[in-house]
C-alpha atoms as a PDB file:
ATOM      1  CA  MET A   1      21.466  30.921 -36.468  1.00  0.00           C
ATOM      2  CA  SER A   2      23.137  31.951 -33.233  1.00  0.00           C
ATOM      3  CA  THR A   3      26.189  30.243 -31.810  1.00  0.00           C
ATOM      4  CA  ALA A   4      24.087  28.949 -28.884  1.00  0.00           C
ATOM      5  CA  ASP A   5      21.560  27.363 -31.271  1.00  0.00           C
ATOM      6  CA  ALA A   6      24.352  25.764 -33.262  1.00  0.00           C
ATOM      7  CA  ASP A   7      25.852  24.340 -30.072  1.00  0.00           C
ATOM      8  CA  GLN A   8      22.474  22.830 -29.025  1.00  0.00           C
ATOM      9  CA  ILE A   9      21.999  21.274 -32.428  1.00  0.00           C
ATOM     10  CA  GLU A  10      25.469  19.815 -32.310  1.00  0.00           C
ATOM     11  CA  GLN A  11      24.817  18.376 -28.843  1.00  0.00           C
ATOM     12  CA  LEU A  12      21.578  16.798 -30.043  1.00  0.00           C
ATOM     13  CA  ARG A  13      23.348  15.331 -33.049  1.00  0.00           C
ATOM     14  CA  ARG A  14      26.015  13.798 -30.815  1.00  0.00           C
ATOM     15  CA  LEU A  15      23.376  12.402 -28.448  1.00  0.00           C
ATOM     16  CA  TRP A  16      21.535  10.855 -31.374  1.00  0.00           C
ATOM     17  CA  ASP A  17      24.740   9.379 -32.765  1.00  0.00           C
ATOM     18  CA  ARG A  18      25.468   7.896 -29.379  1.00  0.00           C
ATOM     19  CA  TYR A  19      21.999   6.796 -28.186  1.00  0.00           C
ATOM     20  CA  GLY A  20      19.728   6.969 -31.203  1.00  0.00           C
ATOM     21  CA  ARG A  21      19.999   3.289 -32.116  1.00  0.00           C
ATOM     22  CA  LEU A  22      19.393   2.242 -28.517  1.00  0.00           C
ATOM     23  CA  LEU A  23      16.298   4.449 -28.345  1.00  0.00           C
ATOM     24  CA  SER A  24      15.018   3.005 -31.614  1.00  0.00           C
ATOM     25  CA  VAL A  25      15.447  -0.530 -30.312  1.00  0.00           C
ATOM     26  CA  ALA A  26      13.640   0.385 -27.089  1.00  0.00           C
ATOM     27  CA  VAL A  27      10.713   1.928 -28.971  1.00  0.00           C
ATOM     28  CA  VAL A  28      10.449  -1.104 -31.241  1.00  0.00           C
ATOM     29  CA  ALA A  29      10.561  -3.439 -28.207  1.00  0.00           C
ATOM     30  CA  VAL A  30       7.750  -1.523 -26.512  1.00  0.00           C
ATOM     31  CA  LEU A  31       5.636  -1.599 -29.669  1.00  0.00           C
ATOM     32  CA  LEU A  32       6.260  -5.311 -30.115  1.00  0.00           C
ATOM     33  CA  GLY A  33       5.201  -5.917 -26.521  1.00  0.00           C
ATOM     34  CA  VAL A  34       1.973  -3.968 -26.973  1.00  0.00           C
ATOM     35  CA  PHE A  35       1.077  -5.652 -30.256  1.00  0.00           C
ATOM     36  CA  GLY A  36       2.179  -9.040 -28.896  1.00  0.00           C
ATOM     37  CA  ARG A  37      -0.186  -8.781 -25.942  1.00  0.00           C
ATOM     38  CA  TYR A  38      -2.969  -7.652 -28.251  1.00  0.00           C
ATOM     39  CA  PHE A  39      -2.354 -10.535 -30.651  1.00  0.00           C
ATOM     40  CA  TYR A  40      -2.084 -13.107 -27.849  1.00  0.00           C
ATOM     41  CA  GLY A  41      -5.264 -11.829 -26.219  1.00  0.00           C
ATOM     42  CA  GLY A  42      -7.060 -12.011 -29.563  1.00  0.00           C
ATOM     43  CA  TYR A  43      -5.701 -15.501 -30.182  1.00  0.00           C
ATOM     44  CA  GLN A  44      -6.944 -16.717 -26.805  1.00  0.00           C
ATOM     45  CA  GLN A  45     -10.354 -15.231 -27.475  1.00  0.00           C
ATOM     46  CA  ARG A  46     -10.585 -16.916 -30.878  1.00  0.00           C
ATOM     47  CA  GLN A  47      -9.546 -20.241 -29.327  1.00  0.00           C
ATOM     48  CA  ALA A  48     -12.197 -19.919 -26.616  1.00  0.00           C
ATOM     49  CA  LEU A  49     -14.931 -19.054 -29.114  1.00  0.00           C
ATOM     50  CA  ALA A  50     -14.030 -21.962 -31.390  1.00  0.00           C
ATOM     51  CA  ALA A  51     -13.939 -24.355 -28.436  1.00  0.00           C
ATOM     52  CA  ALA A  52     -17.300 -23.050 -27.194  1.00  0.00           C
ATOM     53  CA  ALA A  53     -18.838 -23.667 -30.622  1.00  0.00           C
ATOM     54  CA  LEU A  54     -17.581 -27.252 -30.661  1.00  0.00           C
ATOM     55  CA  TYR A  55     -18.817 -27.817 -27.113  1.00  0.00           C
ATOM     56  CA  THR A  56     -22.277 -26.571 -28.076  1.00  0.00           C
ATOM     57  CA  ALA A  57     -22.275 -28.949 -31.036  1.00  0.00           C
ATOM     58  CA  TYR A  58     -21.132 -31.755 -28.730  1.00  0.00           C
ATOM     59  CA  GLN A  59     -24.076 -31.131 -26.420  1.00  0.00           C
ATOM     60  CA  GLN A  60     -26.575 -30.847 -29.266  1.00  0.00           C
ATOM     61  CA  PRO A  61     -25.137 -32.547 -32.371  1.00  0.00           C
ATOM     62  CA  PRO A  62     -26.604 -31.500 -35.734  1.00  0.00           C
ATOM     63  CA  ALA A  63     -28.687 -34.073 -37.565  1.00  0.00           C
ATOM     64  CA  GLY A  64     -26.591 -36.880 -38.980  1.00  0.00           C
ATOM     65  CA  GLN A  65     -23.605 -36.234 -36.707  1.00  0.00           C
ATOM     66  CA  THR A  66     -22.562 -37.664 -33.361  1.00  0.00           C
ATOM     67  CA  ALA A  67     -21.408 -36.035 -30.144  1.00  0.00           C
ATOM     68  CA  GLU A  68     -18.273 -38.179 -30.247  1.00  0.00           C
ATOM     69  CA  THR A  69     -17.153 -36.495 -33.481  1.00  0.00           C
ATOM     70  CA  PHE A  70     -17.191 -33.068 -31.859  1.00  0.00           C
ATOM     71  CA  ALA A  71     -15.628 -34.424 -28.666  1.00  0.00           C
ATOM     72  CA  GLU A  72     -12.661 -35.752 -30.621  1.00  0.00           C
ATOM     73  CA  GLN A  73     -12.197 -32.417 -32.410  1.00  0.00           C
ATOM     74  CA  LEU A  74     -12.418 -30.469 -29.169  1.00  0.00           C
ATOM     75  CA  LEU A  75      -9.889 -32.649 -27.355  1.00  0.00           C
ATOM     76  CA  ALA A  76      -7.487 -32.592 -30.304  1.00  0.00           C
ATOM     77  CA  LYS A  77      -7.648 -28.882 -31.195  1.00  0.00           C
ATOM     78  CA  TYR A  78      -8.316 -27.138 -27.894  1.00  0.00           C
ATOM     79  CA  PRO A  79      -7.053 -29.447 -25.127  1.00  0.00           C
ATOM     80  CA  ARG A  80      -6.215 -26.701 -22.636  1.00  0.00           C
ATOM     81  CA  THR A  81      -9.670 -25.137 -22.617  1.00  0.00           C
ATOM     82  CA  SER A  82     -12.187 -25.942 -19.910  1.00  0.00           C
ATOM     83  CA  TYR A  83     -14.593 -27.048 -22.648  1.00  0.00           C
ATOM     84  CA  ALA A  84     -12.258 -29.926 -23.475  1.00  0.00           C
ATOM     85  CA  SER A  85     -12.018 -30.782 -19.775  1.00  0.00           C
ATOM     86  CA  PHE A  86     -15.818 -30.768 -19.468  1.00  0.00           C
ATOM     87  CA  VAL A  87     -16.065 -33.250 -22.341  1.00  0.00           C
ATOM     88  CA  ALA A  88     -13.408 -35.582 -20.903  1.00  0.00           C
ATOM     89  CA  LEU A  89     -15.028 -35.438 -17.461  1.00  0.00           C
ATOM     90  CA  ALA A  90     -18.408 -36.259 -19.004  1.00  0.00           C
ATOM     91  CA  GLN A  91     -16.868 -39.182 -20.888  1.00  0.00           C
ATOM     92  CA  ALA A  92     -15.355 -40.443 -17.641  1.00  0.00           C
ATOM     93  CA  LYS A  93     -18.741 -40.238 -15.907  1.00  0.00           C
ATOM     94  CA  LYS A  94     -20.395 -42.252 -18.688  1.00  0.00           C
ATOM     95  CA  ALA A  95     -17.640 -44.846 -18.466  1.00  0.00           C
ATOM     96  CA  VAL A  96     -18.139 -45.197 -14.709  1.00  0.00           C
ATOM     97  CA  GLU A  97     -21.894 -45.599 -15.165  1.00  0.00           C
ATOM     98  CA  ALA A  98     -21.192 -48.318 -17.725  1.00  0.00           C
ATOM     99  CA  GLY A  99     -18.810 -50.073 -15.338  1.00  0.00           C
ATOM    100  CA  LYS A 100     -15.795 -49.327 -17.565  1.00  0.00           C
ATOM    101  CA  LEU A 101     -13.431 -48.081 -14.877  1.00  0.00           C
ATOM    102  CA  ASP A 102     -10.252 -48.415 -16.949  1.00  0.00           C
ATOM    103  CA  SER A 103     -11.776 -46.180 -19.611  1.00  0.00           C
ATOM    104  CA  ALA A 104     -12.925 -43.702 -16.965  1.00  0.00           C
ATOM    105  CA  ALA A 105      -9.418 -43.548 -15.514  1.00  0.00           C
ATOM    106  CA  GLN A 106      -8.002 -42.900 -18.982  1.00  0.00           C
ATOM    107  CA  HIS A 107     -10.327 -39.918 -19.543  1.00  0.00           C
ATOM    108  CA  LEU A 108      -9.532 -38.501 -16.115  1.00  0.00           C
ATOM    109  CA  ARG A 109      -5.787 -38.844 -16.646  1.00  0.00           C
ATOM    110  CA  TRP A 110      -6.219 -36.921 -19.886  1.00  0.00           C
ATOM    111  CA  VAL A 111      -7.687 -33.998 -17.952  1.00  0.00           C
ATOM    112  CA  VAL A 112      -4.887 -34.128 -15.375  1.00  0.00           C
ATOM    113  CA  SER A 113      -2.279 -34.020 -18.150  1.00  0.00           C
ATOM    114  CA  ASN A 114      -3.915 -31.454 -20.457  1.00  0.00           C
ATOM    115  CA  ALA A 115      -6.244 -29.120 -18.565  1.00  0.00           C
ATOM    116  CA  GLY A 116      -5.165 -25.505 -18.437  1.00  0.00           C
ATOM    117  CA  GLU A 117      -7.216 -24.677 -15.342  1.00  0.00           C
ATOM    118  CA  PRO A 118      -6.041 -25.909 -11.911  1.00  0.00           C
ATOM    119  CA  THR A 119      -9.648 -26.385 -10.805  1.00  0.00           C
ATOM    120  CA  ASP A 120     -10.264 -28.782 -13.713  1.00  0.00           C
ATOM    121  CA  ARG A 121      -7.154 -30.769 -12.821  1.00  0.00           C
ATOM    122  CA  ALA A 122      -8.148 -30.856  -9.151  1.00  0.00           C
ATOM    123  CA  LEU A 123     -11.608 -32.222  -9.955  1.00  0.00           C
ATOM    124  CA  ALA A 124     -10.127 -34.836 -12.295  1.00  0.00           C
ATOM    125  CA  ARG A 125      -7.630 -35.938  -9.637  1.00  0.00           C
ATOM    126  CA  LEU A 126     -10.364 -36.389  -7.039  1.00  0.00           C
ATOM    127  CA  ARG A 127     -12.464 -38.462  -9.436  1.00  0.00           C
ATOM    128  CA  LEU A 128      -9.459 -40.443 -10.626  1.00  0.00           C
ATOM    129  CA  ALA A 129      -8.558 -41.326  -7.045  1.00  0.00           C
ATOM    130  CA  ARG A 130     -12.134 -42.475  -6.480  1.00  0.00           C
ATOM    131  CA  VAL A 131     -12.072 -44.664  -9.606  1.00  0.00           C
ATOM    132  CA  LEU A 132      -8.751 -46.218  -8.653  1.00  0.00           C
ATOM    133  CA  LEU A 133      -9.973 -46.879  -5.128  1.00  0.00           C
ATOM    134  CA  ASP A 134     -13.058 -48.593  -6.546  1.00  0.00           C
ATOM    135  CA  GLN A 135     -10.645 -50.811  -8.485  1.00  0.00           C
ATOM    136  CA  GLY A 136      -8.919 -51.778  -5.253  1.00  0.00           C
ATOM    137  CA  LYS A 137      -5.813 -49.686  -6.013  1.00  0.00           C
ATOM    138  CA  ALA A 138      -5.471 -47.727  -2.780  1.00  0.00           C
ATOM    139  CA  GLN A 139      -1.836 -46.668  -3.233  1.00  0.00           C
ATOM    140  CA  ALA A 140      -2.447 -45.602  -6.835  1.00  0.00           C
ATOM    141  CA  ALA A 141      -5.443 -43.590  -5.629  1.00  0.00           C
ATOM    142  CA  GLN A 142      -3.291 -41.819  -3.072  1.00  0.00           C
ATOM    143  CA  ASP A 143      -0.635 -41.064  -5.687  1.00  0.00           C
ATOM    144  CA  ALA A 144      -3.278 -39.687  -8.061  1.00  0.00           C
ATOM    145  CA  LEU A 145      -4.260 -36.904  -5.664  1.00  0.00           C
ATOM    146  CA  GLY A 146      -1.132 -34.896  -6.512  1.00  0.00           C
ATOM    147  CA  LYS A 147      -0.819 -31.209  -5.654  1.00  0.00           C
ATOM    148  CA  ASP A 148      -3.614 -29.476  -7.586  1.00  0.00           C
ATOM    149  CA  ILE A 149      -6.281 -29.966  -4.920  1.00  0.00           C
ATOM    150  CA  PRO A 150      -6.516 -27.279  -2.193  1.00  0.00           C
ATOM    151  CA  ALA A 151      -5.269 -28.707   1.088  1.00  0.00           C
ATOM    152  CA  THR A 152      -8.378 -27.455   2.917  1.00  0.00           C
ATOM    153  CA  SER A 153     -10.804 -29.231   0.567  1.00  0.00           C
ATOM    154  CA  PRO A 154     -13.268 -31.455   2.496  1.00  0.00           C
ATOM    155  CA  ALA A 155     -13.457 -33.693  -0.576  1.00  0.00           C
ATOM    156  CA  LEU A 156      -9.700 -34.238  -0.398  1.00  0.00           C
ATOM    157  CA  SER A 157      -9.878 -35.113   3.300  1.00  0.00           C
ATOM    158  CA  GLU A 158     -12.738 -37.522   2.689  1.00  0.00           C
ATOM    159  CA  ILE A 159     -10.998 -39.431  -0.108  1.00  0.00           C
ATOM    160  CA  ARG A 160      -7.863 -39.608   2.034  1.00  0.00           C
ATOM    161  CA  GLY A 161      -9.992 -41.103   4.765  1.00  0.00           C
ATOM    162  CA  ASP A 162     -11.430 -43.648   2.343  1.00  0.00           C
ATOM    163  CA  ILE A 163      -7.938 -44.561   1.157  1.00  0.00           C
ATOM    164  CA  ALA A 164      -6.692 -44.956   4.730  1.00  0.00           C
ATOM    165  CA  ARG A 165      -9.658 -47.171   5.583  1.00  0.00           C
ATOM    166  CA  ALA A 166      -8.933 -49.335   2.521  1.00  0.00           C
ATOM    167  CA  GLN A 167      -5.334 -49.637   3.729  1.00  0.00           C
ATOM    168  CA  ASP A 168      -6.561 -50.732   7.175  1.00  0.00           C
ATOM    169  CA  LYS A 169      -5.389 -47.529   8.861  1.00  0.00           C
ATOM    170  CA  PRO A 170      -8.404 -46.604  10.998  1.00  0.00           C
ATOM    171  CA  GLN A 171      -6.710 -43.848  12.988  1.00  0.00           C
ATOM    172  CA  GLU A 172      -5.622 -42.014   9.826  1.00  0.00           C
ATOM    173  CA  ALA A 173      -9.067 -42.523   8.336  1.00  0.00           C
ATOM    174  CA  ARG A 174     -10.746 -41.117  11.443  1.00  0.00           C
ATOM    175  CA  GLN A 175      -8.519 -38.025  11.450  1.00  0.00           C
ATOM    176  CA  ALA A 176      -9.160 -37.400   7.737  1.00  0.00           C
ATOM    177  CA  TYR A 177     -12.937 -37.774   8.147  1.00  0.00           C
ATOM    178  CA  GLN A 178     -12.928 -35.387  11.088  1.00  0.00           C
ATOM    179  CA  GLU A 179     -10.994 -32.823   9.032  1.00  0.00           C
ATOM    180  CA  ALA A 180     -13.488 -33.184   6.195  1.00  0.00           C
ATOM    181  CA  LEU A 181     -16.407 -32.841   8.598  1.00  0.00           C
ATOM    182  CA  ALA A 182     -14.955 -29.641  10.060  1.00  0.00           C
ATOM    183  CA  GLY A 183     -15.064 -28.018   6.615  1.00  0.00           C
ATOM    184  CA  LEU A 184     -18.732 -28.792   5.915  1.00  0.00           C
ATOM    185  CA  PRO A 185     -22.033 -27.315   7.112  1.00  0.00           C
ATOM    186  CA  PRO A 186     -23.189 -29.531  10.023  1.00  0.00           C
ATOM    187  CA  GLU A 187     -26.591 -30.232   8.491  1.00  0.00           C
ATOM    188  CA  SER A 188     -25.394 -31.006   4.961  1.00  0.00           C
ATOM    189  CA  GLY A 189     -25.935 -34.380   3.356  1.00  0.00           C
ATOM    190  CA  GLN A 190     -22.200 -34.932   2.943  1.00  0.00           C
ATOM    191  CA  ALA A 191     -21.666 -34.262   6.649  1.00  0.00           C
ATOM    192  CA  ALA A 192     -24.224 -36.956   7.411  1.00  0.00           C
ATOM    193  CA  ILE A 193     -22.342 -39.436   5.205  1.00  0.00           C
ATOM    194  CA  LEU A 194     -19.070 -38.616   6.951  1.00  0.00           C
ATOM    195  CA  LYS A 195     -20.677 -39.208  10.352  1.00  0.00           C
ATOM    196  CA  LEU A 196     -21.766 -42.640   9.159  1.00  0.00           C
ATOM    197  CA  LYS A 197     -18.218 -43.381   8.002  1.00  0.00           C
ATOM    198  CA  LEU A 198     -16.880 -42.330  11.398  1.00  0.00           C
ATOM    199  CA  ASP A 199     -19.418 -44.502  13.173  1.00  0.00           C
ATOM    200  CA  ALA A 200     -18.399 -47.438  10.992  1.00  0.00           C
ATOM    201  CA  LEU A 201     -14.813 -47.093  12.218  1.00  0.00           C
ATOM    202  CA  GLY A 202     -15.934 -47.646  15.826  1.00  0.00           C
ATOM    203  CA  GLN A 203     -14.353 -46.095  18.883  1.00  0.00           C
ATOM    204  CA  PRO A 204     -10.660 -45.090  18.750  1.00  0.00           C
END
């Protein structure tokens, strides 16, 4: 071995003594990150598949079992999936149809508190505000709207108009209805309803 080779080996040995542990830690950290992402992605996929299976069973319960059984399992085990939100929203709809507004509000609040998707929370907030307004709780309805709903949503503007009208604030109601109308196709059915609401307010 030449003197030059011996010097290079000695330099490498010193570098390893000085930085080898740090490099090992860095390599391990990178590997942990890769495997962690893989594991987390796999975990999410397994959760989604299990939730989907329960949701299918909820929609079409096997003989001798009830939809409510699968709904309870879905809400308890996979609350942040959209499948759980779909179930809670469906339960709220049934409660409204049965005239059980307190129960409907409870289901909708569950979605607001547990849903993982902002769109699910936004839909639940809009429906919760509507339920509360139907109960004569205008301020509670306004508070329920929160921040999940896109500011440009015509549905948000419309419910704000309804709340303002319930609070005897016709000018605010008119402005909200006009904003909602601006975001809808002119010939749509919802636009026609908004025009009727504006007409009901009379002239400014």
